[in-house]
Amino acid sequence: DGLNLVFQFELIHFDYKAQFFKDLLEKNEREFPAPYT
């Protein structure tokens, strides 16, 4: 019920490896599940 969205900047500081993006996806689903986006 606060801001609808916030900028998340982890992707700006990416490590170009599949594991980095897998970890980021799973972290966001763990920490920001629906109704968060």
Full PDB file with SEQRES, HELIX, SHEET, SSBOND, CRYST1, ORIGX, SCALE, CONECT and MASTER records, all heavy atoms in Angstrom:
SEQRES   1 A   37  ASP GLY LEU ASN LEU VAL PHE GLN PHE GLU LEU ILE HIS          
SEQRES   2 A   37  PHE ASP TYR LYS ALA GLN PHE PHE LYS ASP LEU LEU GLU          
SEQRES   3 A   37  LYS ASN GLU ARG GLU PHE PRO ALA PRO TYR THR                  
HELIX    1 AA1 GLU A   10  HIS A   13  5                                   4    
HELIX    2 AA2 ALA A   18  GLU A   31  1                                  14    
CRYST1    1.000    1.000    1.000  90.00  90.00  90.00 P 1           1          
ORIGX1      1.000000  0.000000  0.000000        0.00000                         
ORIGX2      0.000000  1.000000  0.000000        0.00000                         
ORIGX3      0.000000  0.000000  1.000000        0.00000                         
SCALE1      1.000000  0.000000  0.000000        0.00000                         
SCALE2      0.000000  1.000000  0.000000        0.00000                         
SCALE3      0.000000  0.000000  1.000000        0.00000                         
ATOM      1  N   ASP A   1       0.821  -1.209   0.000  1.00  0.00           N  
ATOM      2  CA  ASP A   1       0.000   0.000   0.000  1.00  0.00           C  
ATOM      3  C   ASP A   1       0.859   1.265   0.000  1.00  0.00           C  
ATOM      4  O   ASP A   1       0.381   2.351   0.278  1.00  0.00           O  
ATOM      5  CB  ASP A   1      -0.948   0.005   1.184  1.00  0.00           C  
ATOM      6  CG  ASP A   1      -0.232  -0.158   2.534  1.00  0.00           C  
ATOM      7  OD1 ASP A   1       0.987  -0.466   2.522  1.00  0.00           O  
ATOM      8  OD2 ASP A   1      -0.882   0.000   3.582  1.00  0.00           O  
ATOM      9  N   GLY A   2       2.156   1.117  -0.320  1.00  0.00           N  
ATOM     10  CA  GLY A   2       3.036   2.268  -0.436  1.00  0.00           C  
ATOM     11  C   GLY A   2       3.243   2.624  -1.901  1.00  0.00           C  
ATOM     12  O   GLY A   2       2.278   2.662  -2.684  1.00  0.00           O  
ATOM     13  N   LEU A   3       4.471   2.894  -2.289  1.00  0.00           N  
ATOM     14  CA  LEU A   3       4.748   3.105  -3.711  1.00  0.00           C  
ATOM     15  C   LEU A   3       4.341   1.860  -4.482  1.00  0.00           C  
ATOM     16  O   LEU A   3       4.489   0.740  -4.000  1.00  0.00           O  
ATOM     17  CB  LEU A   3       6.236   3.392  -3.928  1.00  0.00           C  
ATOM     18  CG  LEU A   3       6.849   4.572  -3.159  1.00  0.00           C  
ATOM     19  CD1 LEU A   3       8.325   4.712  -3.515  1.00  0.00           C  
ATOM     20  CD2 LEU A   3       6.096   5.861  -3.426  1.00  0.00           C  
ATOM     21  N   ASN A   4       3.848   2.053  -5.690  1.00  0.00           N  
ATOM     22  CA  ASN A   4       3.438   0.897  -6.489  1.00  0.00           C  
ATOM     23  C   ASN A   4       4.644   0.056  -6.902  1.00  0.00           C  
ATOM     24  O   ASN A   4       4.600  -1.181  -6.883  1.00  0.00           O  
ATOM     25  CB  ASN A   4       2.686   1.343  -7.745  1.00  0.00           C  
ATOM     26  CG  ASN A   4       1.481   2.197  -7.429  1.00  0.00           C  
ATOM     27  OD1 ASN A   4       1.622   3.373  -7.126  1.00  0.00           O  
ATOM     28  ND2 ASN A   4       0.292   1.623  -7.483  1.00  0.00           N  
ATOM     29  N   LEU A   5       5.726   0.771  -7.289  1.00  0.00           N  
ATOM     30  CA  LEU A   5       6.948   0.111  -7.743  1.00  0.00           C  
ATOM     31  C   LEU A   5       8.147   0.880  -7.215  1.00  0.00           C  
ATOM     32  O   LEU A   5       8.056   2.076  -6.923  1.00  0.00           O  
ATOM     33  CB  LEU A   5       7.024   0.091  -9.280  1.00  0.00           C  
ATOM     34  CG  LEU A   5       5.913  -0.604 -10.069  1.00  0.00           C  
ATOM     35  CD1 LEU A   5       6.005  -0.224 -11.552  1.00  0.00           C  
ATOM     36  CD2 LEU A   5       6.012  -2.113  -9.904  1.00  0.00           C  
ATOM     37  N   VAL A   6       9.276   0.205  -7.103  1.00  0.00           N  
ATOM     38  CA  VAL A   6      10.554   0.875  -6.866  1.00  0.00           C  
ATOM     39  C   VAL A   6      11.544   0.357  -7.901  1.00  0.00           C  
ATOM     40  O   VAL A   6      11.431  -0.772  -8.380  1.00  0.00           O  
ATOM     41  CB  VAL A   6      11.102   0.620  -5.444  1.00  0.00           C  
ATOM     42  CG1 VAL A   6      10.204   1.259  -4.402  1.00  0.00           C  
ATOM     43  CG2 VAL A   6      11.305  -0.859  -5.181  1.00  0.00           C  
ATOM     44  N   PHE A   7      12.480   1.212  -8.257  1.00  0.00           N  
ATOM     45  CA  PHE A   7      13.543   0.757  -9.150  1.00  0.00           C  
ATOM     46  C   PHE A   7      14.446  -0.213  -8.392  1.00  0.00           C  
ATOM     47  O   PHE A   7      14.866   0.058  -7.269  1.00  0.00           O  
ATOM     48  CB  PHE A   7      14.377   1.938  -9.660  1.00  0.00           C  
ATOM     49  CG  PHE A   7      13.654   2.798 -10.650  1.00  0.00           C  
ATOM     50  CD1 PHE A   7      13.214   4.056 -10.289  1.00  0.00           C  
ATOM     51  CD2 PHE A   7      13.428   2.357 -11.949  1.00  0.00           C  
ATOM     52  CE1 PHE A   7      12.543   4.859 -11.196  1.00  0.00           C  
ATOM     53  CE2 PHE A   7      12.760   3.149 -12.856  1.00  0.00           C  
ATOM     54  CZ  PHE A   7      12.315   4.406 -12.487  1.00  0.00           C  
ATOM     55  N   GLN A   8      14.737  -1.338  -9.038  1.00  0.00           N  
ATOM     56  CA  GLN A   8      15.698  -2.300  -8.503  1.00  0.00           C  
ATOM     57  C   GLN A   8      16.885  -2.317  -9.472  1.00  0.00           C  
ATOM     58  O   GLN A   8      16.718  -2.597 -10.656  1.00  0.00           O  
ATOM     59  CB  GLN A   8      15.054  -3.678  -8.376  1.00  0.00           C  
ATOM     60  CG  GLN A   8      13.973  -3.706  -7.287  1.00  0.00           C  
ATOM     61  CD  GLN A   8      13.090  -4.928  -7.379  1.00  0.00           C  
ATOM     62  OE1 GLN A   8      12.000  -4.891  -7.931  1.00  0.00           O  
ATOM     63  NE2 GLN A   8      13.572  -6.037  -6.818  1.00  0.00           N  
ATOM     64  N   PHE A   9      18.050  -2.021  -8.933  1.00  0.00           N  
ATOM     65  CA  PHE A   9      19.192  -1.733  -9.803  1.00  0.00           C  
ATOM     66  C   PHE A   9      20.208  -2.870  -9.916  1.00  0.00           C  
ATOM     67  O   PHE A   9      21.278  -2.680 -10.482  1.00  0.00           O  
ATOM     68  CB  PHE A   9      19.892  -0.460  -9.317  1.00  0.00           C  
ATOM     69  CG  PHE A   9      19.042   0.774  -9.416  1.00  0.00           C  
ATOM     70  CD1 PHE A   9      18.762   1.533  -8.294  1.00  0.00           C  
ATOM     71  CD2 PHE A   9      18.511   1.177 -10.631  1.00  0.00           C  
ATOM     72  CE1 PHE A   9      17.976   2.676  -8.378  1.00  0.00           C  
ATOM     73  CE2 PHE A   9      17.726   2.315 -10.724  1.00  0.00           C  
ATOM     74  CZ  PHE A   9      17.452   3.068  -9.609  1.00  0.00           C  
ATOM     75  N   GLU A  10      19.887  -4.057  -9.391  1.00  0.00           N  
ATOM     76  CA  GLU A  10      20.849  -5.160  -9.485  1.00  0.00           C  
ATOM     77  C   GLU A  10      21.231  -5.466 -10.925  1.00  0.00           C  
ATOM     78  O   GLU A  10      22.369  -5.825 -11.221  1.00  0.00           O  
ATOM     79  CB  GLU A  10      20.289  -6.439  -8.845  1.00  0.00           C  
ATOM     80  CG  GLU A  10      20.047  -6.344  -7.358  1.00  0.00           C  
ATOM     81  CD  GLU A  10      18.568  -6.262  -7.042  1.00  0.00           C  
ATOM     82  OE1 GLU A  10      17.845  -5.573  -7.780  1.00  0.00           O  
ATOM     83  OE2 GLU A  10      18.154  -6.875  -6.059  1.00  0.00           O  
ATOM     84  N   LEU A  11      20.262  -5.335 -11.828  1.00  0.00           N  
ATOM     85  CA  LEU A  11      20.517  -5.688 -13.222  1.00  0.00           C  
ATOM     86  C   LEU A  11      21.532  -4.749 -13.861  1.00  0.00           C  
ATOM     87  O   LEU A  11      22.268  -5.140 -14.780  1.00  0.00           O  
ATOM     88  CB  LEU A  11      19.197  -5.666 -14.016  1.00  0.00           C  
ATOM     89  CG  LEU A  11      19.209  -6.361 -15.383  1.00  0.00           C  
ATOM     90  CD1 LEU A  11      19.629  -7.813 -15.264  1.00  0.00           C  
ATOM     91  CD2 LEU A  11      17.838  -6.260 -16.044  1.00  0.00           C  
ATOM     92  N   ILE A  12      21.591  -3.510 -13.384  1.00  0.00           N  
ATOM     93  CA  ILE A  12      22.569  -2.558 -13.912  1.00  0.00           C  
ATOM     94  C   ILE A  12      23.993  -3.054 -13.642  1.00  0.00           C  
ATOM     95  O   ILE A  12      24.898  -2.857 -14.453  1.00  0.00           O  
ATOM     96  CB  ILE A  12      22.348  -1.159 -13.296  1.00  0.00           C  
ATOM     97  CG1 ILE A  12      21.126  -0.500 -13.946  1.00  0.00           C  
ATOM     98  CG2 ILE A  12      23.585  -0.275 -13.468  1.00  0.00           C  
ATOM     99  CD1 ILE A  12      20.801   0.871 -13.405  1.00  0.00           C  
ATOM    100  N   HIS A  13      24.156  -3.738 -12.510  1.00  0.00           N  
ATOM    101  CA  HIS A  13      25.487  -4.200 -12.113  1.00  0.00           C  
ATOM    102  C   HIS A  13      25.621  -5.705 -12.356  1.00  0.00           C  
ATOM    103  O   HIS A  13      26.126  -6.448 -11.518  1.00  0.00           O  
ATOM    104  CB  HIS A  13      25.720  -3.851 -10.648  1.00  0.00           C  
ATOM    105  CG  HIS A  13      25.522  -2.394 -10.358  1.00  0.00           C  
ATOM    106  ND1 HIS A  13      26.428  -1.430 -10.732  1.00  0.00           N  
ATOM    107  CD2 HIS A  13      24.488  -1.731  -9.770  1.00  0.00           C  
ATOM    108  CE1 HIS A  13      25.976  -0.239 -10.364  1.00  0.00           C  
ATOM    109  NE2 HIS A  13      24.818  -0.390  -9.788  1.00  0.00           N  
ATOM    110  N   PHE A  14      25.149  -6.137 -13.519  1.00  0.00           N  
ATOM    111  CA  PHE A  14      25.103  -7.559 -13.854  1.00  0.00           C  
ATOM    112  C   PHE A  14      26.492  -8.189 -13.986  1.00  0.00           C  
ATOM    113  O   PHE A  14      27.479  -7.536 -14.287  1.00  0.00           O  
ATOM    114  CB  PHE A  14      24.340  -7.760 -15.174  1.00  0.00           C  
ATOM    115  CG  PHE A  14      24.979  -7.074 -16.361  1.00  0.00           C  
ATOM    116  CD1 PHE A  14      26.059  -7.647 -17.026  1.00  0.00           C  
ATOM    117  CD2 PHE A  14      24.493  -5.853 -16.816  1.00  0.00           C  
ATOM    118  CE1 PHE A  14      26.650  -7.005 -18.109  1.00  0.00           C  
ATOM    119  CE2 PHE A  14      25.084  -5.207 -17.895  1.00  0.00           C  
ATOM    120  CZ  PHE A  14      26.166  -5.791 -18.540  1.00  0.00           C  
ATOM    121  N   ASP A  15      26.501  -9.473 -13.740  1.00  0.00           N  
ATOM    122  CA  ASP A  15      27.638 -10.322 -14.081  1.00  0.00           C  
ATOM    123  C   ASP A  15      27.123 -11.197 -15.217  1.00  0.00           C  
ATOM    124  O   ASP A  15      26.187 -11.985 -15.022  1.00  0.00           O  
ATOM    125  CB  ASP A  15      28.041 -11.171 -12.868  1.00  0.00           C  
ATOM    126  CG  ASP A  15      29.233 -12.076 -13.144  1.00  0.00           C  
ATOM    127  OD1 ASP A  15      29.834 -11.944 -14.228  1.00  0.00           O  
ATOM    128  OD2 ASP A  15      29.547 -12.928 -12.287  1.00  0.00           O  
ATOM    129  N   TYR A  16      27.704 -11.067 -16.391  1.00  0.00           N  
ATOM    130  CA  TYR A  16      27.124 -11.722 -17.568  1.00  0.00           C  
ATOM    131  C   TYR A  16      27.368 -13.236 -17.521  1.00  0.00           C  
ATOM    132  O   TYR A  16      28.206 -13.793 -18.223  1.00  0.00           O  
ATOM    133  CB  TYR A  16      27.687 -11.119 -18.857  1.00  0.00           C  
ATOM    134  CG  TYR A  16      26.991 -11.644 -20.108  1.00  0.00           C  
ATOM    135  CD1 TYR A  16      25.766 -11.132 -20.500  1.00  0.00           C  
ATOM    136  CD2 TYR A  16      27.565 -12.661 -20.866  1.00  0.00           C  
ATOM    137  CE1 TYR A  16      25.116 -11.628 -21.623  1.00  0.00           C  
ATOM    138  CE2 TYR A  16      26.924 -13.152 -21.998  1.00  0.00           C  
ATOM    139  CZ  TYR A  16      25.699 -12.632 -22.371  1.00  0.00           C  
ATOM    140  OH  TYR A  16      25.054 -13.132 -23.494  1.00  0.00           O  
ATOM    141  N   LYS A  17      26.611 -13.892 -16.629  1.00  0.00           N  
ATOM    142  CA  LYS A  17      26.642 -15.339 -16.484  1.00  0.00           C  
ATOM    143  C   LYS A  17      25.228 -15.813 -16.176  1.00  0.00           C  
ATOM    144  O   LYS A  17      24.484 -15.139 -15.465  1.00  0.00           O  
ATOM    145  CB  LYS A  17      27.588 -15.763 -15.360  1.00  0.00           C  
ATOM    146  CG  LYS A  17      29.057 -15.450 -15.630  1.00  0.00           C  
ATOM    147  CD  LYS A  17      29.921 -15.843 -14.447  1.00  0.00           C  
ATOM    148  CE  LYS A  17      31.390 -15.509 -14.703  1.00  0.00           C  
ATOM    149  NZ  LYS A  17      32.246 -15.829 -13.523  1.00  0.00           N  
ATOM    150  N   ALA A  18      24.872 -16.977 -16.687  1.00  0.00           N  
ATOM    151  CA  ALA A  18      23.523 -17.491 -16.475  1.00  0.00           C  
ATOM    152  C   ALA A  18      23.188 -17.600 -14.985  1.00  0.00           C  
ATOM    153  O   ALA A  18      22.055 -17.322 -14.576  1.00  0.00           O  
ATOM    154  CB  ALA A  18      23.378 -18.852 -17.160  1.00  0.00           C  
ATOM    155  N   GLN A  19      24.178 -17.974 -14.160  1.00  0.00           N  
ATOM    156  CA  GLN A  19      23.930 -18.169 -12.736  1.00  0.00           C  
ATOM    157  C   GLN A  19      23.523 -16.863 -12.056  1.00  0.00           C  
ATOM    158  O   GLN A  19      22.669 -16.864 -11.163  1.00  0.00           O  
ATOM    159  CB  GLN A  19      25.176 -18.730 -12.054  1.00  0.00           C  
ATOM    160  CG  GLN A  19      24.942 -19.164 -10.619  1.00  0.00           C  
ATOM    161  CD  GLN A  19      23.966 -20.327 -10.509  1.00  0.00           C  
ATOM    162  OE1 GLN A  19      24.046 -21.295 -11.260  1.00  0.00           O  
ATOM    163  NE2 GLN A  19      23.016 -20.230  -9.586  1.00  0.00           N  
ATOM    164  N   PHE A  20      24.117 -15.745 -12.482  1.00  0.00           N  
ATOM    165  CA  PHE A  20      23.751 -14.451 -11.899  1.00  0.00           C  
ATOM    166  C   PHE A  20      22.270 -14.178 -12.118  1.00  0.00           C  
ATOM    167  O   PHE A  20      21.554 -13.763 -11.191  1.00  0.00           O  
ATOM    168  CB  PHE A  20      24.582 -13.329 -12.536  1.00  0.00           C  
ATOM    169  CG  PHE A  20      24.124 -11.939 -12.165  1.00  0.00           C  
ATOM    170  CD1 PHE A  20      24.600 -11.308 -11.032  1.00  0.00           C  
ATOM    171  CD2 PHE A  20      23.182 -11.265 -12.948  1.00  0.00           C  
ATOM    172  CE1 PHE A  20      24.160 -10.033 -10.675  1.00  0.00           C  
ATOM    173  CE2 PHE A  20      22.736  -9.996 -12.607  1.00  0.00           C  
ATOM    174  CZ  PHE A  20      23.222  -9.377 -11.464  1.00  0.00           C  
ATOM    175  N   PHE A  21      21.778 -14.403 -13.327  1.00  0.00           N  
ATOM    176  CA  PHE A  21      20.387 -14.095 -13.657  1.00  0.00           C  
ATOM    177  C   PHE A  21      19.429 -15.100 -13.010  1.00  0.00           C  
ATOM    178  O   PHE A  21      18.321 -14.742 -12.614  1.00  0.00           O  
ATOM    179  CB  PHE A  21      20.224 -14.035 -15.168  1.00  0.00           C  
ATOM    180  CG  PHE A  21      20.988 -12.895 -15.778  1.00  0.00           C  
ATOM    181  CD1 PHE A  21      22.291 -13.068 -16.212  1.00  0.00           C  
ATOM    182  CD2 PHE A  21      20.434 -11.636 -15.869  1.00  0.00           C  
ATOM    183  CE1 PHE A  21      23.012 -12.015 -16.740  1.00  0.00           C  
ATOM    184  CE2 PHE A  21      21.143 -10.570 -16.389  1.00  0.00           C  
ATOM    185  CZ  PHE A  21      22.446 -10.770 -16.819  1.00  0.00           C  
ATOM    186  N   LYS A  22      19.854 -16.346 -12.900  1.00  0.00           N  
ATOM    187  CA  LYS A  22      19.049 -17.343 -12.200  1.00  0.00           C  
ATOM    188  C   LYS A  22      18.899 -16.944 -10.736  1.00  0.00           C  
ATOM    189  O   LYS A  22      17.783 -16.962 -10.187  1.00  0.00           O  
ATOM    190  CB  LYS A  22      19.704 -18.722 -12.302  1.00  0.00           C  
ATOM    191  CG  LYS A  22      18.940 -19.851 -11.611  1.00  0.00           C  
ATOM    192  CD  LYS A  22      19.626 -21.186 -11.865  1.00  0.00           C  
ATOM    193  CE  LYS A  22      18.832 -22.343 -11.278  1.00  0.00           C  
ATOM    194  NZ  LYS A  22      18.797 -22.337  -9.805  1.00  0.00           N  
ATOM    195  N   ASP A  23      20.009 -16.549 -10.115  1.00  0.00           N  
ATOM    196  CA  ASP A  23      19.966 -16.137  -8.713  1.00  0.00           C  
ATOM    197  C   ASP A  23      19.096 -14.893  -8.521  1.00  0.00           C  
ATOM    198  O   ASP A  23      18.347 -14.786  -7.540  1.00  0.00           O  
ATOM    199  CB  ASP A  23      21.376 -15.842  -8.206  1.00  0.00           C  
ATOM    200  CG  ASP A  23      22.233 -17.093  -8.096  1.00  0.00           C  
ATOM    201  OD1 ASP A  23      21.676 -18.208  -8.119  1.00  0.00           O  
ATOM    202  OD2 ASP A  23      23.474 -16.943  -8.001  1.00  0.00           O  
ATOM    203  N   LEU A  24      19.183 -13.964  -9.470  1.00  0.00           N  
ATOM    204  CA  LEU A  24      18.392 -12.734  -9.373  1.00  0.00           C  
ATOM    205  C   LEU A  24      16.905 -13.034  -9.487  1.00  0.00           C  
ATOM    206  O   LEU A  24      16.094 -12.507  -8.706  1.00  0.00           O  
ATOM    207  CB  LEU A  24      18.821 -11.745 -10.466  1.00  0.00           C  
ATOM    208  CG  LEU A  24      18.071 -10.404 -10.523  1.00  0.00           C  
ATOM    209  CD1 LEU A  24      18.188  -9.665  -9.197  1.00  0.00           C  
ATOM    210  CD2 LEU A  24      18.600  -9.532 -11.658  1.00  0.00           C  
ATOM    211  N   LEU A  25      16.532 -13.887 -10.432  1.00  0.00           N  
ATOM    212  CA  LEU A  25      15.126 -14.279 -10.575  1.00  0.00           C  
ATOM    213  C   LEU A  25      14.601 -14.908  -9.295  1.00  0.00           C  
ATOM    214  O   LEU A  25      13.524 -14.542  -8.790  1.00  0.00           O  
ATOM    215  CB  LEU A  25      14.975 -15.283 -11.722  1.00  0.00           C  
ATOM    216  CG  LEU A  25      14.767 -14.771 -13.133  1.00  0.00           C  
ATOM    217  CD1 LEU A  25      14.559 -15.946 -14.087  1.00  0.00           C  
ATOM    218  CD2 LEU A  25      13.575 -13.832 -13.215  1.00  0.00           C  
ATOM    219  N   GLU A  26      15.354 -15.867  -8.770  1.00  0.00           N  
ATOM    220  CA  GLU A  26      14.883 -16.599  -7.600  1.00  0.00           C  
ATOM    221  C   GLU A  26      14.838 -15.701  -6.370  1.00  0.00           C  
ATOM    222  O   GLU A  26      13.930 -15.815  -5.544  1.00  0.00           O  
ATOM    223  CB  GLU A  26      15.786 -17.815  -7.376  1.00  0.00           C  
ATOM    224  CG  GLU A  26      15.622 -18.859  -8.482  1.00  0.00           C  
ATOM    225  CD  GLU A  26      16.574 -20.033  -8.349  1.00  0.00           C  
ATOM    226  OE1 GLU A  26      17.531 -19.942  -7.530  1.00  0.00           O  
ATOM    227  OE2 GLU A  26      16.388 -21.034  -9.073  1.00  0.00           O  
ATOM    228  N   LYS A  27      15.808 -14.780  -6.259  1.00  0.00           N  
ATOM    229  CA  LYS A  27      15.797 -13.834  -5.141  1.00  0.00           C  
ATOM    230  C   LYS A  27      14.579 -12.927  -5.215  1.00  0.00           C  
ATOM    231  O   LYS A  27      13.888 -12.697  -4.208  1.00  0.00           O  
ATOM    232  CB  LYS A  27      17.091 -13.007  -5.152  1.00  0.00           C  
ATOM    233  CG  LYS A  27      17.294 -12.124  -3.933  1.00  0.00           C  
ATOM    234  CD  LYS A  27      16.670 -10.757  -4.017  1.00  0.00           C  
ATOM    235  CE  LYS A  27      17.332  -9.920  -5.069  1.00  0.00           C  
ATOM    236  NZ  LYS A  27      16.742  -8.534  -5.077  1.00  0.00           N  
ATOM    237  N   ASN A  28      14.273 -12.413  -6.404  1.00  0.00           N  
ATOM    238  CA  ASN A  28      13.124 -11.510  -6.544  1.00  0.00           C  
ATOM    239  C   ASN A  28      11.808 -12.226  -6.285  1.00  0.00           C  
ATOM    240  O   ASN A  28      10.871 -11.641  -5.717  1.00  0.00           O  
ATOM    241  CB  ASN A  28      13.115 -10.867  -7.930  1.00  0.00           C  
ATOM    242  CG  ASN A  28      14.011  -9.649  -8.005  1.00  0.00           C  
ATOM    243  OD1 ASN A  28      14.419  -9.103  -6.983  1.00  0.00           O  
ATOM    244  ND2 ASN A  28      14.333  -9.207  -9.208  1.00  0.00           N  
ATOM    245  N   GLU A  29      11.716 -13.497  -6.671  1.00  0.00           N  
ATOM    246  CA  GLU A  29      10.485 -14.249  -6.406  1.00  0.00           C  
ATOM    247  C   GLU A  29      10.356 -14.568  -4.913  1.00  0.00           C  
ATOM    248  O   GLU A  29       9.245 -14.643  -4.387  1.00  0.00           O  
ATOM    249  CB  GLU A  29      10.462 -15.533  -7.235  1.00  0.00           C  
ATOM    250  CG  GLU A  29      10.249 -15.283  -8.715  1.00  0.00           C  
ATOM    251  CD  GLU A  29       9.064 -14.363  -8.985  1.00  0.00           C  
ATOM    252  OE1 GLU A  29       7.927 -14.710  -8.589  1.00  0.00           O  
ATOM    253  OE2 GLU A  29       9.269 -13.283  -9.568  1.00  0.00           O  
ATOM    254  N   ARG A  30      11.481 -14.710  -4.256  1.00  0.00           N  
ATOM    255  CA  ARG A  30      11.463 -14.983  -2.819  1.00  0.00           C  
ATOM    256  C   ARG A  30      11.152 -13.718  -2.022  1.00  0.00           C  
ATOM    257  O   ARG A  30      10.375 -13.737  -1.067  1.00  0.00           O  
ATOM    258  CB  ARG A  30      12.827 -15.545  -2.413  1.00  0.00           C  
ATOM    259  CG  ARG A  30      12.943 -15.963  -0.958  1.00  0.00           C  
ATOM    260  CD  ARG A  30      14.275 -16.649  -0.696  1.00  0.00           C  
ATOM    261  NE  ARG A  30      15.422 -15.766  -0.899  1.00  0.00           N  
ATOM    262  CZ  ARG A  30      16.282 -15.865  -1.915  1.00  0.00           C  
ATOM    263  NH1 ARG A  30      16.122 -16.798  -2.845  1.00  0.00           N  
ATOM    264  NH2 ARG A  30      17.309 -15.027  -2.028  1.00  0.00           N  
ATOM    265  N   GLU A  31      11.761 -12.592  -2.417  1.00  0.00           N  
ATOM    266  CA  GLU A  31      11.629 -11.349  -1.663  1.00  0.00           C  
ATOM    267  C   GLU A  31      10.477 -10.458  -2.126  1.00  0.00           C  
ATOM    268  O   GLU A  31       9.950  -9.664  -1.355  1.00  0.00           O  
ATOM    269  CB  GLU A  31      12.938 -10.556  -1.737  1.00  0.00           C  
ATOM    270  CG  GLU A  31      14.147 -11.276  -1.156  1.00  0.00           C  
ATOM    271  CD  GLU A  31      14.028 -11.501   0.340  1.00  0.00           C  
ATOM    272  OE1 GLU A  31      13.342 -10.716   1.008  1.00  0.00           O  
ATOM    273  OE2 GLU A  31      14.629 -12.483   0.840  1.00  0.00           O  
ATOM    274  N   PHE A  32      10.108 -10.558  -3.397  1.00  0.00           N  
ATOM    275  CA  PHE A  32       9.059  -9.691  -3.956  1.00  0.00           C  
ATOM    276  C   PHE A  32       7.986 -10.508  -4.679  1.00  0.00           C  
ATOM    277  O   PHE A  32       7.699 -10.289  -5.859  1.00  0.00           O  
ATOM    278  CB  PHE A  32       9.675  -8.669  -4.921  1.00  0.00           C  
ATOM    279  CG  PHE A  32      10.661  -7.745  -4.271  1.00  0.00           C  
ATOM    280  CD1 PHE A  32      12.014  -8.049  -4.264  1.00  0.00           C  
ATOM    281  CD2 PHE A  32      10.241  -6.580  -3.651  1.00  0.00           C  
ATOM    282  CE1 PHE A  32      12.932  -7.206  -3.651  1.00  0.00           C  
ATOM    283  CE2 PHE A  32      11.146  -5.730  -3.034  1.00  0.00           C  
ATOM    284  CZ  PHE A  32      12.499  -6.043  -3.028  1.00  0.00           C  
ATOM    285  N   PRO A  33       7.382 -11.480  -3.979  1.00  0.00           N  
ATOM    286  CA  PRO A  33       6.314 -12.258  -4.612  1.00  0.00           C  
ATOM    287  C   PRO A  33       5.077 -11.394  -4.815  1.00  0.00           C  
ATOM    288  O   PRO A  33       4.964 -10.311  -4.237  1.00  0.00           O  
ATOM    289  CB  PRO A  33       6.053 -13.371  -3.595  1.00  0.00           C  
ATOM    290  CG  PRO A  33       6.364 -12.728  -2.275  1.00  0.00           C  
ATOM    291  CD  PRO A  33       7.537 -11.818  -2.550  1.00  0.00           C  
ATOM    292  N   ALA A  34       4.126 -11.867  -5.625  1.00  0.00           N  
ATOM    293  CA  ALA A  34       2.864 -11.147  -5.786  1.00  0.00           C  
ATOM    294  C   ALA A  34       2.250 -10.924  -4.402  1.00  0.00           C  
ATOM    295  O   ALA A  34       2.349 -11.798  -3.526  1.00  0.00           O  
ATOM    296  CB  ALA A  34       1.931 -11.945  -6.678  1.00  0.00           C  
ATOM    297  N   PRO A  35       1.666  -9.757  -4.131  1.00  0.00           N  
ATOM    298  CA  PRO A  35       1.299  -8.700  -5.084  1.00  0.00           C  
ATOM    299  C   PRO A  35       2.413  -7.723  -5.444  1.00  0.00           C  
ATOM    300  O   PRO A  35       2.163  -6.767  -6.176  1.00  0.00           O  
ATOM    301  CB  PRO A  35       0.171  -7.971  -4.365  1.00  0.00           C  
ATOM    302  CG  PRO A  35       0.554  -8.069  -2.912  1.00  0.00           C  
ATOM    303  CD  PRO A  35       1.187  -9.434  -2.771  1.00  0.00           C  
ATOM    304  N   TYR A  36       3.637  -7.918  -4.926  1.00  0.00           N  
ATOM    305  CA  TYR A  36       4.751  -7.046  -5.317  1.00  0.00           C  
ATOM    306  C   TYR A  36       5.171  -7.368  -6.754  1.00  0.00           C  
ATOM    307  O   TYR A  36       5.029  -8.506  -7.216  1.00  0.00           O  
ATOM    308  CB  TYR A  36       5.941  -7.239  -4.379  1.00  0.00           C  
ATOM    309  CG  TYR A  36       5.649  -6.922  -2.945  1.00  0.00           C  
ATOM    310  CD1 TYR A  36       5.501  -7.933  -1.999  1.00  0.00           C  
ATOM    311  CD2 TYR A  36       5.502  -5.600  -2.522  1.00  0.00           C  
ATOM    312  CE1 TYR A  36       5.222  -7.638  -0.674  1.00  0.00           C  
ATOM    313  CE2 TYR A  36       5.234  -5.296  -1.197  1.00  0.00           C  
ATOM    314  CZ  TYR A  36       5.082  -6.325  -0.274  1.00  0.00           C  
ATOM    315  OH  TYR A  36       4.811  -6.020   1.034  1.00  0.00           O  
ATOM    316  N   THR A  37       5.682  -6.351  -7.430  1.00  0.00           N  
ATOM    317  CA  THR A  37       6.123  -6.513  -8.812  1.00  0.00           C  
ATOM    318  C   THR A  37       7.554  -6.010  -8.941  1.00  0.00           C  
ATOM    319  O   THR A  37       7.824  -4.832  -8.699  1.00  0.00           O  
ATOM    320  CB  THR A  37       5.219  -5.725  -9.787  1.00  0.00           C  
ATOM    321  OG1 THR A  37       3.862  -6.110  -9.586  1.00  0.00           O  
ATOM    322  CG2 THR A  37       5.617  -5.986 -11.232  1.00  0.00           C  
TER     323      THR A  37                                                      
MASTER        0    0    0    2    0    0    0    6  322    1    0    3          
END                                                                             
